[in-house]
């Protein structure tokens, strides 16, 4: 599937897989 990666100003990364729920990766 297609992955969409976005990075917010607060440093939290979001990876979206089309058709699936969003996976949130917290900043270390």
PDB file of N, CA and C in Angstrom:
ATOM      1  N   UNK A   1       0.816  -1.193   0.000  1.00  0.00           N
ATOM      2  CA  UNK A   1       0.000   0.000   0.000  1.00  0.00           C
ATOM      3  C   UNK A   1       0.856   1.251   0.000  1.00  0.00           C
ATOM      4  N   UNK A   2       0.191   2.404  -0.086  1.00  0.00           N
ATOM      5  CA  UNK A   2       0.896   3.677  -0.132  1.00  0.00           C
ATOM      6  C   UNK A   2       1.018   4.255   1.273  1.00  0.00           C
ATOM      7  N   UNK A   3       2.218   4.707   1.617  1.00  0.00           N
ATOM      8  CA  UNK A   3       2.433   5.298   2.932  1.00  0.00           C
ATOM      9  C   UNK A   3       2.547   6.807   2.812  1.00  0.00           C
ATOM     10  N   UNK A   4       1.965   7.499   3.791  1.00  0.00           N
ATOM     11  CA  UNK A   4       2.061   8.959   3.843  1.00  0.00           C
ATOM     12  C   UNK A   4       2.702   9.337   5.166  1.00  0.00           C
ATOM     13  N   UNK A   5       3.817  10.056   5.104  1.00  0.00           N
ATOM     14  CA  UNK A   5       4.526  10.439   6.312  1.00  0.00           C
ATOM     15  C   UNK A   5       4.449  11.941   6.504  1.00  0.00           C
ATOM     16  N   UNK A   6       4.048  12.348   7.717  1.00  0.00           N
ATOM     17  CA  UNK A   6       4.009  13.777   8.025  1.00  0.00           C
ATOM     18  C   UNK A   6       4.689  14.035   9.355  1.00  0.00           C
ATOM     19  N   UNK A   7       5.293  15.191   9.484  1.00  0.00           N
ATOM     20  CA  UNK A   7       5.967  15.562  10.728  1.00  0.00           C
ATOM     21  C   UNK A   7       5.399  16.888  11.217  1.00  0.00           C
ATOM     22  N   UNK A   8       4.857  16.863  12.432  1.00  0.00           N
ATOM     23  CA  UNK A   8       4.260  18.073  12.976  1.00  0.00           C
ATOM     24  C   UNK A   8       5.310  18.956  13.639  1.00  0.00           C
ATOM     25  N   UNK A   9       4.962  20.202  13.881  1.00  0.00           N
ATOM     26  CA  UNK A   9       5.890  21.167  14.457  1.00  0.00           C
ATOM     27  C   UNK A   9       6.388  20.735  15.831  1.00  0.00           C
ATOM     28  N   UNK A  10       5.564  19.949  16.553  1.00  0.00           N
ATOM     29  CA  UNK A  10       5.968  19.518  17.891  1.00  0.00           C
ATOM     30  C   UNK A  10       6.894  18.305  17.837  1.00  0.00           C
ATOM     31  N   UNK A  11       7.171  17.819  16.640  1.00  0.00           N
ATOM     32  CA  UNK A  11       8.124  16.723  16.500  1.00  0.00           C
ATOM     33  C   UNK A  11       7.482  15.348  16.455  1.00  0.00           C
ATOM     34  N   UNK A  12       6.147  15.298  16.566  1.00  0.00           N
ATOM     35  CA  UNK A  12       5.461  14.011  16.506  1.00  0.00           C
ATOM     36  C   UNK A  12       5.325  13.571  15.050  1.00  0.00           C
ATOM     37  N   UNK A  13       5.777  12.361  14.789  1.00  0.00           N
ATOM     38  CA  UNK A  13       5.703  11.837  13.428  1.00  0.00           C
ATOM     39  C   UNK A  13       4.432  11.024  13.248  1.00  0.00           C
ATOM     40  N   UNK A  14       3.802  11.166  12.095  1.00  0.00           N
ATOM     41  CA  UNK A  14       2.599  10.406  11.782  1.00  0.00           C
ATOM     42  C   UNK A  14       2.824   9.645  10.482  1.00  0.00           C
ATOM     43  N   UNK A  15       2.571   8.351  10.527  1.00  0.00           N
ATOM     44  CA  UNK A  15       2.658   7.556   9.306  1.00  0.00           C
ATOM     45  C   UNK A  15       1.262   7.025   8.994  1.00  0.00           C
ATOM     46  N   UNK A  16       0.760   7.379   7.826  1.00  0.00           N
ATOM     47  CA  UNK A  16      -0.557   6.902   7.420  1.00  0.00           C
ATOM     48  C   UNK A  16      -0.387   5.863   6.315  1.00  0.00           C
ATOM     49  N   UNK A  17      -1.020   4.733   6.491  1.00  0.00           N
ATOM     50  CA  UNK A  17      -1.085   3.740   5.434  1.00  0.00           C
ATOM     51  C   UNK A  17      -2.497   3.776   4.886  1.00  0.00           C
ATOM     52  N   UNK A  18      -2.622   3.990   3.603  1.00  0.00           N
ATOM     53  CA  UNK A  18      -3.937   4.147   2.989  1.00  0.00           C
ATOM     54  C   UNK A  18      -4.784   2.905   3.270  1.00  0.00           C
ATOM     55  N   UNK A  19      -5.970   3.129   3.859  1.00  0.00           N
ATOM     56  CA  UNK A  19      -6.883   2.042   4.172  1.00  0.00           C
ATOM     57  C   UNK A  19      -6.676   1.480   5.572  1.00  0.00           C
ATOM     58  N   UNK A  20      -5.660   1.970   6.270  1.00  0.00           N
ATOM     59  CA  UNK A  20      -5.396   1.491   7.617  1.00  0.00           C
ATOM     60  C   UNK A  20      -5.439   2.644   8.603  1.00  0.00           C
ATOM     61  N   UNK A  21      -5.492   2.316   9.868  1.00  0.00           N
ATOM     62  CA  UNK A  21      -5.489   3.342  10.903  1.00  0.00           C
ATOM     63  C   UNK A  21      -4.124   4.015  10.958  1.00  0.00           C
ATOM     64  N   UNK A  22      -4.113   5.232  11.459  1.00  0.00           N
ATOM     65  CA  UNK A  22      -2.865   5.982  11.559  1.00  0.00           C
ATOM     66  C   UNK A  22      -1.996   5.418  12.669  1.00  0.00           C
ATOM     67  N   UNK A  23      -0.700   5.406  12.408  1.00  0.00           N
ATOM     68  CA  UNK A  23       0.265   4.999  13.428  1.00  0.00           C
ATOM     69  C   UNK A  23       1.025   6.238  13.884  1.00  0.00           C
ATOM     70  N   UNK A  24       1.015   6.490  15.166  1.00  0.00           N
ATOM     71  CA  UNK A  24       1.700   7.662  15.703  1.00  0.00           C
ATOM     72  C   UNK A  24       3.008   7.241  16.345  1.00  0.00           C
ATOM     73  N   UNK A  25       4.080   7.930  15.994  1.00  0.00           N
ATOM     74  CA  UNK A  25       5.381   7.664  16.597  1.00  0.00           C
ATOM     75  C   UNK A  25       5.779   8.886  17.417  1.00  0.00           C
ATOM     76  N   UNK A  26       5.869   8.709  18.720  1.00  0.00           N
ATOM     77  CA  UNK A  26       6.211   9.829  19.591  1.00  0.00           C
ATOM     78  C   UNK A  26       7.687  10.173  19.472  1.00  0.00           C
ATOM     79  N   UNK A  27       8.023  11.448  19.616  1.00  0.00           N
ATOM     80  CA  UNK A  27       9.422  11.864  19.564  1.00  0.00           C
ATOM     81  C   UNK A  27      10.201  11.289  20.730  1.00  0.00           C
ATOM     82  N   UNK A  28      11.465  10.975  20.497  1.00  0.00           N
ATOM     83  CA  UNK A  28      12.298  10.404  21.559  1.00  0.00           C
ATOM     84  C   UNK A  28      12.924  11.500  22.391  1.00  0.00           C
TER      85      UNK A  28
END
